[in-house]
Amino acid sequence: MSSDTTLREVLGRLGKAIEGLEAAAEARLEKQRDFSDVEAEAQRMGADRARLAQEIDKSEARAERLAEVNREVSRRLVTAMETIRAVLDR
């Protein structure tokens, strides 16, 4: 009976060890899935960052063109005002 008890104990410990191994393997797989999700999210964020950088570049270029147009309009207004003053002063 002692050997039966010992065999049962060994089989019980073996069963628990297998359960622990299965749990560890499942946890490892879950971490791998999480890592894959994080990696995919990082790639999406990188793509978003590149798209946003392009939009910022376009916006900066447009702002510069608007500033140039604004300077030209201002110069023309000054010229027009000077012309009007010159006509009125005659």
N, C-alpha and C. Protein backbone atom coordinates (compact mmCIF):
# COMPACT_ATOMS: atom_id res chain seq x y z
N MET A 1 0.82 -1.18 0.00
CA MET A 1 0.00 0.00 0.00
C MET A 1 0.86 1.24 0.00
N SER A 2 1.99 1.13 0.54
CA SER A 2 2.91 2.26 0.56
C SER A 2 3.34 2.63 -0.84
N SER A 3 3.59 1.61 -1.67
CA SER A 3 3.98 1.91 -3.05
C SER A 3 2.80 2.47 -3.84
N ASP A 4 1.55 2.02 -3.52
CA ASP A 4 0.36 2.57 -4.16
C ASP A 4 0.21 4.05 -3.78
N THR A 5 0.39 4.34 -2.53
CA THR A 5 0.30 5.73 -2.06
C THR A 5 1.38 6.57 -2.71
N THR A 6 2.58 6.06 -2.74
CA THR A 6 3.68 6.79 -3.35
C THR A 6 3.41 7.02 -4.83
N LEU A 7 2.91 6.01 -5.52
CA LEU A 7 2.60 6.14 -6.95
C LEU A 7 1.51 7.19 -7.16
N ARG A 8 0.49 7.15 -6.30
CA ARG A 8 -0.58 8.15 -6.41
C ARG A 8 -0.04 9.55 -6.16
N GLU A 9 0.81 9.68 -5.17
CA GLU A 9 1.40 10.99 -4.87
C GLU A 9 2.24 11.48 -6.05
N VAL A 10 3.03 10.57 -6.61
CA VAL A 10 3.88 10.94 -7.75
C VAL A 10 3.01 11.34 -8.94
N LEU A 11 1.96 10.53 -9.18
CA LEU A 11 1.07 10.86 -10.29
C LEU A 11 0.34 12.19 -10.04
N GLY A 12 -0.03 12.44 -8.79
CA GLY A 12 -0.67 13.71 -8.44
C GLY A 12 0.27 14.89 -8.67
N ARG A 13 1.52 14.72 -8.23
CA ARG A 13 2.50 15.79 -8.45
C ARG A 13 2.77 15.99 -9.93
N LEU A 14 2.83 14.88 -10.66
CA LEU A 14 3.05 14.96 -12.10
C LEU A 14 1.88 15.70 -12.77
N GLY A 15 0.66 15.37 -12.34
CA GLY A 15 -0.53 16.05 -12.88
C GLY A 15 -0.48 17.55 -12.60
N LYS A 16 -0.10 17.90 -11.37
CA LYS A 16 0.00 19.32 -11.02
C LYS A 16 1.10 20.01 -11.82
N ALA A 17 2.20 19.31 -12.01
CA ALA A 17 3.30 19.87 -12.79
C ALA A 17 2.88 20.10 -14.24
N ILE A 18 2.13 19.14 -14.78
CA ILE A 18 1.64 19.29 -16.16
C ILE A 18 0.66 20.46 -16.24
N GLU A 19 -0.22 20.57 -15.26
CA GLU A 19 -1.16 21.70 -15.23
C GLU A 19 -0.40 23.02 -15.16
N GLY A 20 0.64 23.06 -14.32
CA GLY A 20 1.46 24.27 -14.22
C GLY A 20 2.16 24.59 -15.54
N LEU A 21 2.65 23.55 -16.20
CA LEU A 21 3.31 23.73 -17.49
C LEU A 21 2.32 24.24 -18.53
N GLU A 22 1.12 23.68 -18.54
CA GLU A 22 0.09 24.14 -19.47
C GLU A 22 -0.28 25.60 -19.20
N ALA A 23 -0.41 25.95 -17.92
CA ALA A 23 -0.74 27.34 -17.55
C ALA A 23 0.37 28.28 -17.99
N ALA A 24 1.62 27.86 -17.78
CA ALA A 24 2.76 28.69 -18.19
C ALA A 24 2.79 28.85 -19.70
N ALA A 25 2.51 27.78 -20.42
CA ALA A 25 2.50 27.85 -21.89
C ALA A 25 1.38 28.77 -22.37
N GLU A 26 0.22 28.67 -21.75
CA GLU A 26 -0.90 29.55 -22.11
C GLU A 26 -0.57 31.01 -21.81
N ALA A 27 0.04 31.25 -20.65
CA ALA A 27 0.44 32.62 -20.31
C ALA A 27 1.44 33.16 -21.32
N ARG A 28 2.37 32.31 -21.72
CA ARG A 28 3.38 32.72 -22.72
C ARG A 28 2.72 33.06 -24.04
N LEU A 29 1.76 32.23 -24.47
CA LEU A 29 1.04 32.51 -25.71
C LEU A 29 0.26 33.81 -25.62
N GLU A 30 -0.35 34.04 -24.47
CA GLU A 30 -1.11 35.28 -24.26
C GLU A 30 -0.19 36.49 -24.34
N LYS A 31 0.98 36.39 -23.72
CA LYS A 31 1.95 37.50 -23.80
C LYS A 31 2.40 37.72 -25.23
N GLN A 32 2.59 36.64 -25.97
CA GLN A 32 2.99 36.77 -27.38
C GLN A 32 1.90 37.46 -28.18
N ARG A 33 0.63 37.13 -27.92
CA ARG A 33 -0.48 37.79 -28.62
C ARG A 33 -0.51 39.26 -28.25
N ASP A 34 -0.32 39.57 -26.97
CA ASP A 34 -0.29 40.96 -26.53
C ASP A 34 0.84 41.71 -27.21
N PHE A 35 2.01 41.08 -27.30
CA PHE A 35 3.15 41.71 -27.94
C PHE A 35 2.85 41.99 -29.41
N SER A 36 2.21 41.04 -30.07
CA SER A 36 1.84 41.22 -31.48
C SER A 36 0.87 42.39 -31.63
N ASP A 37 -0.08 42.49 -30.70
CA ASP A 37 -1.03 43.60 -30.74
C ASP A 37 -0.31 44.93 -30.55
N VAL A 38 0.62 44.97 -29.61
CA VAL A 38 1.37 46.20 -29.34
C VAL A 38 2.22 46.56 -30.56
N GLU A 39 2.84 45.56 -31.15
CA GLU A 39 3.67 45.80 -32.33
C GLU A 39 2.82 46.35 -33.48
N ALA A 40 1.65 45.81 -33.68
CA ALA A 40 0.75 46.29 -34.74
C ALA A 40 0.32 47.73 -34.45
N GLU A 41 0.03 48.01 -33.19
CA GLU A 41 -0.36 49.38 -32.80
C GLU A 41 0.79 50.35 -33.04
N ALA A 42 2.00 49.94 -32.73
CA ALA A 42 3.18 50.79 -32.96
C ALA A 42 3.34 51.07 -34.45
N GLN A 43 3.09 50.09 -35.29
CA GLN A 43 3.17 50.30 -36.74
C GLN A 43 2.10 51.27 -37.21
N ARG A 44 0.88 51.14 -36.67
CA ARG A 44 -0.19 52.07 -37.02
C ARG A 44 0.16 53.48 -36.58
N MET A 45 0.74 53.59 -35.39
CA MET A 45 1.12 54.92 -34.89
C MET A 45 2.23 55.52 -35.75
N GLY A 46 3.16 54.69 -36.20
CA GLY A 46 4.21 55.18 -37.08
C GLY A 46 3.64 55.70 -38.40
N ALA A 47 2.68 54.97 -38.94
CA ALA A 47 2.04 55.40 -40.19
C ALA A 47 1.28 56.71 -39.96
N ASP A 48 0.56 56.80 -38.84
CA ASP A 48 -0.15 58.04 -38.51
C ASP A 48 0.82 59.20 -38.36
N ARG A 49 1.95 58.94 -37.72
CA ARG A 49 2.94 59.99 -37.52
C ARG A 49 3.47 60.50 -38.85
N ALA A 50 3.75 59.58 -39.77
CA ALA A 50 4.24 59.97 -41.10
C ALA A 50 3.19 60.79 -41.84
N ARG A 51 1.93 60.36 -41.76
CA ARG A 51 0.85 61.09 -42.42
C ARG A 51 0.71 62.48 -41.82
N LEU A 52 0.75 62.57 -40.50
CA LEU A 52 0.64 63.88 -39.83
C LEU A 52 1.82 64.78 -40.17
N ALA A 53 3.00 64.21 -40.28
CA ALA A 53 4.18 65.01 -40.64
C ALA A 53 4.00 65.60 -42.04
N GLN A 54 3.46 64.81 -42.96
CA GLN A 54 3.21 65.32 -44.32
C GLN A 54 2.18 66.44 -44.29
N GLU A 55 1.13 66.26 -43.50
CA GLU A 55 0.10 67.29 -43.40
C GLU A 55 0.67 68.58 -42.80
N ILE A 56 1.54 68.43 -41.81
CA ILE A 56 2.17 69.61 -41.21
C ILE A 56 3.04 70.32 -42.24
N ASP A 57 3.82 69.56 -43.01
CA ASP A 57 4.65 70.15 -44.06
C ASP A 57 3.80 70.92 -45.06
N LYS A 58 2.69 70.32 -45.49
CA LYS A 58 1.79 71.00 -46.43
C LYS A 58 1.21 72.26 -45.81
N SER A 59 0.81 72.18 -44.55
CA SER A 59 0.24 73.35 -43.87
C SER A 59 1.26 74.46 -43.72
N GLU A 60 2.49 74.10 -43.40
CA GLU A 60 3.55 75.10 -43.28
C GLU A 60 3.82 75.77 -44.62
N ALA A 61 3.83 74.98 -45.69
CA ALA A 61 4.05 75.54 -47.03
C ALA A 61 2.91 76.48 -47.40
N ARG A 62 1.69 76.09 -47.09
CA ARG A 62 0.53 76.94 -47.37
C ARG A 62 0.59 78.21 -46.55
N ALA A 63 0.96 78.10 -45.29
CA ALA A 63 1.08 79.28 -44.43
C ALA A 63 2.13 80.25 -44.98
N GLU A 64 3.22 79.70 -45.49
CA GLU A 64 4.26 80.56 -46.07
C GLU A 64 3.74 81.26 -47.33
N ARG A 65 3.01 80.52 -48.17
CA ARG A 65 2.43 81.15 -49.37
C ARG A 65 1.45 82.24 -48.99
N LEU A 66 0.63 81.98 -47.97
CA LEU A 66 -0.33 83.00 -47.51
C LEU A 66 0.39 84.23 -46.97
N ALA A 67 1.48 84.01 -46.26
CA ALA A 67 2.26 85.14 -45.74
C ALA A 67 2.83 85.96 -46.89
N GLU A 68 3.31 85.28 -47.93
CA GLU A 68 3.84 86.00 -49.10
C GLU A 68 2.74 86.81 -49.77
N VAL A 69 1.57 86.20 -49.95
CA VAL A 69 0.44 86.90 -50.56
C VAL A 69 0.04 88.08 -49.69
N ASN A 70 0.03 87.88 -48.38
CA ASN A 70 -0.32 88.95 -47.45
C ASN A 70 0.65 90.13 -47.60
N ARG A 71 1.95 89.83 -47.69
CA ARG A 71 2.95 90.90 -47.87
C ARG A 71 2.73 91.64 -49.19
N GLU A 72 2.40 90.88 -50.25
CA GLU A 72 2.16 91.50 -51.55
C GLU A 72 0.92 92.39 -51.52
N VAL A 73 -0.15 91.91 -50.90
CA VAL A 73 -1.38 92.70 -50.77
C VAL A 73 -1.09 93.96 -49.96
N SER A 74 -0.36 93.82 -48.89
CA SER A 74 -0.01 94.97 -48.07
C SER A 74 0.80 95.99 -48.88
N ARG A 75 1.77 95.51 -49.63
CA ARG A 75 2.58 96.41 -50.46
C ARG A 75 1.71 97.14 -51.48
N ARG A 76 0.79 96.42 -52.10
CA ARG A 76 -0.09 97.03 -53.09
C ARG A 76 -1.02 98.05 -52.45
N LEU A 77 -1.51 97.74 -51.24
CA LEU A 77 -2.37 98.71 -50.54
C LEU A 77 -1.61 100.00 -50.22
N VAL A 78 -0.39 99.85 -49.78
CA VAL A 78 0.43 101.03 -49.48
C VAL A 78 0.63 101.84 -50.76
N THR A 79 0.93 101.16 -51.84
CA THR A 79 1.12 101.85 -53.13
C THR A 79 -0.16 102.56 -53.54
N ALA A 80 -1.30 101.89 -53.41
CA ALA A 80 -2.60 102.49 -53.76
C ALA A 80 -2.89 103.70 -52.89
N MET A 81 -2.63 103.58 -51.58
CA MET A 81 -2.87 104.71 -50.68
C MET A 81 -1.98 105.89 -51.03
N GLU A 82 -0.74 105.63 -51.36
CA GLU A 82 0.19 106.70 -51.74
C GLU A 82 -0.27 107.37 -53.03
N THR A 83 -0.76 106.56 -53.97
CA THR A 83 -1.26 107.11 -55.23
C THR A 83 -2.48 107.99 -54.97
N ILE A 84 -3.40 107.51 -54.14
CA ILE A 84 -4.61 108.28 -53.81
C ILE A 84 -4.22 109.57 -53.12
N ARG A 85 -3.29 109.56 -52.18
CA ARG A 85 -2.84 110.78 -51.50
C ARG A 85 -2.22 111.76 -52.49
N ALA A 86 -1.44 111.20 -53.40
CA ALA A 86 -0.79 112.07 -54.40
C ALA A 86 -1.82 112.75 -55.27
N VAL A 87 -2.88 111.98 -55.67
CA VAL A 87 -3.94 112.56 -56.50
C VAL A 87 -4.69 113.62 -55.69
N LEU A 88 -5.00 113.34 -54.44
CA LEU A 88 -5.76 114.28 -53.62
C LEU A 88 -4.95 115.53 -53.30
N ASP A 89 -3.64 115.41 -53.21
CA ASP A 89 -2.80 116.55 -52.90
C ASP A 89 -2.66 117.49 -54.09
N ARG A 90 -2.97 117.11 -55.28
CA ARG A 90 -2.85 117.96 -56.47
C ARG A 90 -3.90 118.97 -56.53
